[in-house]
Structures are given as C-alpha cells and as structure tokens.
C-alpha atoms as a PDB file:
ATOM      1  CA  MET A   1      16.212  26.327  16.588  1.00  0.00           C
ATOM      2  CA  ARG A   2      14.086  27.005  14.180  1.00  0.00           C
ATOM      3  CA  GLN A   3      10.504  29.108  14.872  1.00  0.00           C
ATOM      4  CA  LEU A   4       7.524  28.027  13.045  1.00  0.00           C
ATOM      5  CA  LEU A   5       5.317  30.679  11.976  1.00  0.00           C
ATOM      6  CA  TRP A   6       1.884  30.443  10.035  1.00  0.00           C
ATOM      7  CA  ALA A   7       1.402  32.315   6.960  1.00  0.00           C
ATOM      8  CA  ARG A   8      -2.077  34.650   6.824  1.00  0.00           C
ATOM      9  CA  ARG A   9      -4.047  31.812   4.164  1.00  0.00           C
ATOM     10  CA  ALA A  10      -2.847  29.117   6.589  1.00  0.00           C
ATOM     11  CA  ARG A  11      -4.415  30.552   9.589  1.00  0.00           C
ATOM     12  CA  ASN A  12      -7.146  31.336   7.493  1.00  0.00           C
ATOM     13  CA  ASP A  13      -7.471  27.861   6.716  1.00  0.00           C
ATOM     14  CA  LEU A  14      -7.558  26.708  10.022  1.00  0.00           C
ATOM     15  CA  PHE A  15     -10.599  29.178  10.170  1.00  0.00           C
ATOM     16  CA  GLU A  16     -12.309  26.926   7.383  1.00  0.00           C
ATOM     17  CA  ILE A  17     -11.218  23.966   9.126  1.00  0.00           C
ATOM     18  CA  ALA A  18     -12.415  24.808  11.994  1.00  0.00           C
ATOM     19  CA  ALA A  19     -15.907  25.916  10.966  1.00  0.00           C
ATOM     20  CA  HIS A  20     -16.215  22.669   9.518  1.00  0.00           C
ATOM     21  CA  TYR A  21     -15.918  20.059  11.543  1.00  0.00           C
ATOM     22  CA  ARG A  22     -17.426  22.376  14.200  1.00  0.00           C
ATOM     23  CA  GLU A  23     -20.726  21.475  12.016  1.00  0.00           C
ATOM     24  CA  LEU A  24     -20.037  18.004  12.360  1.00  0.00           C
ATOM     25  CA  ASP A  25     -19.137  17.158  15.658  1.00  0.00           C
ATOM     26  CA  PRO A  26     -16.821  19.582  18.073  1.00  0.00           C
ATOM     27  CA  ASP A  27     -15.129  17.390  19.501  1.00  0.00           C
ATOM     28  CA  LEU A  28     -13.689  16.056  16.383  1.00  0.00           C
ATOM     29  CA  GLU A  29     -12.719  19.566  15.276  1.00  0.00           C
ATOM     30  CA  PHE A  30     -10.446  19.903  18.833  1.00  0.00           C
ATOM     31  CA  THR A  31      -9.414  16.533  17.837  1.00  0.00           C
ATOM     32  CA  ILE A  32      -7.817  17.366  14.029  1.00  0.00           C
ATOM     33  CA  LEU A  33      -7.147  21.215  14.810  1.00  0.00           C
ATOM     34  CA  GLU A  34      -4.496  19.814  17.881  1.00  0.00           C
ATOM     35  CA  ARG A  35      -3.417  17.247  14.642  1.00  0.00           C
ATOM     36  CA  VAL A  36      -2.762  19.936  12.395  1.00  0.00           C
ATOM     37  CA  GLU A  37      -1.114  22.358  14.937  1.00  0.00           C
ATOM     38  CA  THR A  38       1.305  19.898  16.208  1.00  0.00           C
ATOM     39  CA  ALA A  39       2.038  18.093  12.531  1.00  0.00           C
ATOM     40  CA  PRO A  40       5.106  20.452  12.147  1.00  0.00           C
ATOM     41  CA  LEU A  41       7.107  20.811  15.310  1.00  0.00           C
ATOM     42  CA  ILE A  42       8.423  18.000  14.158  1.00  0.00           C
ATOM     43  CA  LEU A  43       9.304  19.776  10.931  1.00  0.00           C
ATOM     44  CA  LEU A  44      11.459  22.406  13.176  1.00  0.00           C
ATOM     45  CA  ASP A  45      13.824  19.818  13.843  1.00  0.00           C
ATOM     46  CA  PHE A  46      13.286  17.612  10.071  1.00  0.00           C
ATOM     47  CA  PRO A  47      12.579  20.629   7.686  1.00  0.00           C
ATOM     48  CA  GLU A  48      13.720  18.571   4.044  1.00  0.00           C
ATOM     49  CA  ILE A  49      11.653  15.287   5.595  1.00  0.00           C
ATOM     50  CA  GLY A  50       8.374  17.131   4.032  1.00  0.00           C
ATOM     51  CA  ALA A  51       8.173  15.355  -0.309  1.00  0.00           C
ATOM     52  CA  PRO A  52       9.240  18.976  -2.285  1.00  0.00           C
ATOM     53  CA  THR A  53       6.465  19.438  -4.532  1.00  0.00           C
ATOM     54  CA  ALA A  54       7.079  21.991  -7.993  1.00  0.00           C
ATOM     55  CA  TRP A  55       7.688  24.954  -6.280  1.00  0.00           C
ATOM     56  CA  ALA A  56      11.197  24.856  -5.465  1.00  0.00           C
ATOM     57  CA  ASP A  57      10.603  26.071  -2.034  1.00  0.00           C
ATOM     58  CA  ILE A  58       7.547  24.414  -0.753  1.00  0.00           C
ATOM     59  CA  ARG A  59       7.023  20.950   0.225  1.00  0.00           C
ATOM     60  CA  LYS A  60       4.423  18.991   1.411  1.00  0.00           C
ATOM     61  CA  TRP A  61       3.768  17.153   4.992  1.00  0.00           C
ATOM     62  CA  ARG A  62       0.453  15.032   4.777  1.00  0.00           C
ATOM     63  CA  VAL A  63      -0.602  15.309   9.310  1.00  0.00           C
ATOM     64  CA  ALA A  64      -1.110  11.981  10.380  1.00  0.00           C
ATOM     65  CA  ALA A  65      -4.739  10.515  10.545  1.00  0.00           C
ATOM     66  CA  THR A  66      -6.799  13.361   8.954  1.00  0.00           C
ATOM     67  CA  PRO A  67      -7.225  14.634   5.457  1.00  0.00           C
ATOM     68  CA  PHE A  68      -4.418  17.510   5.392  1.00  0.00           C
ATOM     69  CA  LEU A  69      -1.254  18.198   3.725  1.00  0.00           C
ATOM     70  CA  LEU A  70       0.915  21.065   5.224  1.00  0.00           C
ATOM     71  CA  LEU A  71       2.297  23.279   2.751  1.00  0.00           C
ATOM     72  CA  TYR A  72       5.826  24.826   3.750  1.00  0.00           C
ATOM     73  CA  ARG A  73       8.493  26.382   3.037  1.00  0.00           C
ATOM     74  CA  ALA A  74      11.456  25.742   5.597  1.00  0.00           C
ATOM     75  CA  GLY A  75      14.737  28.560   5.983  1.00  0.00           C
ATOM     76  CA  ARG A  76      17.500  27.902   8.478  1.00  0.00           C
ATOM     77  CA  GLN A  77      15.957  30.400  10.720  1.00  0.00           C
ATOM     78  CA  ARG A  78      12.454  28.825  10.122  1.00  0.00           C
ATOM     79  CA  VAL A  79       9.811  27.031   8.606  1.00  0.00           C
ATOM     80  CA  GLU A  80       6.531  29.264   7.552  1.00  0.00           C
ATOM     81  CA  ILE A  81       3.074  26.957   7.280  1.00  0.00           C
ATOM     82  CA  ARG A  82       1.711  29.021   3.912  1.00  0.00           C
ATOM     83  CA  ARG A  83      -1.044  26.543   3.997  1.00  0.00           C
ATOM     84  CA  VAL A  84      -3.109  23.455   4.993  1.00  0.00           C
ATOM     85  CA  LEU A  85      -5.422  21.721   2.541  1.00  0.00           C
ATOM     86  CA  HIS A  86      -7.369  18.704   2.017  1.00  0.00           C
ATOM     87  CA  TYR A  87      -5.087  16.567   0.176  1.00  0.00           C
ATOM     88  CA  ALA A  88      -7.784  15.266  -1.717  1.00  0.00           C
ATOM     89  CA  ARG A  89      -8.501  19.568  -3.277  1.00  0.00           C
ATOM     90  CA  ASP A  90      -6.655  20.619  -5.945  1.00  0.00           C
ATOM     91  CA  TRP A  91      -3.517  22.088  -3.931  1.00  0.00           C
ATOM     92  CA  GLN A  92      -0.971  22.885  -6.643  1.00  0.00           C
ATOM     93  CA  HIS A  93      -2.920  25.177  -7.621  1.00  0.00           C
ATOM     94  CA  GLN A  94      -4.292  26.359  -4.074  1.00  0.00           C
ATOM     95  CA  LEU A  95      -0.670  27.779  -3.078  1.00  0.00           C
END
C-alpha cells in the first residue's frame, strides 16, 4: 500500500489556509482543513485519477467543496502532496 507524504511547502500551505479561515470563521477553518487533509486518501488507491499538468510527474486533484487544488507526485510506494493552492491562483508558477 502507498504511503501519503506532505512536502514541507504543502504543510506551509495548510498553515496559511488555516490562518486565513480562522480569521473568517473557526468552524469553517476546521471544515476546510478536514476536507483538504482527507482528499488525498483516494489518491493512495487511484493515483492516476488526478489530471496531468505541464510537469511530467505532477498531477492535480481538486478538493471537493473547497477552492483548493492538490498538486502531487505519485509513485509506486508513495503519494507526495507537493502544494495545496487556491485554484484561481497562478498555480502553474507555484510549484
């Protein structure tokens, strides 16, 4: 079974997302983070489900009911979440 890893930049993205939503509504912060943190679990079983990007080994997966994309790299033994970015952001230059 594949292992799920969060790159340092992805963890930093989560901290920024949490801080932003905490100011708006602490309950919303929890809801958004829960959705983002559980979204990649399906990628462990179906790593090719995300759409390919311009980078050969990076795929993107939209987190349901949020404005966020997971940019990830999938291998035989692990799925690494590289970034968590707002879909309206210029994410192509943020990897």
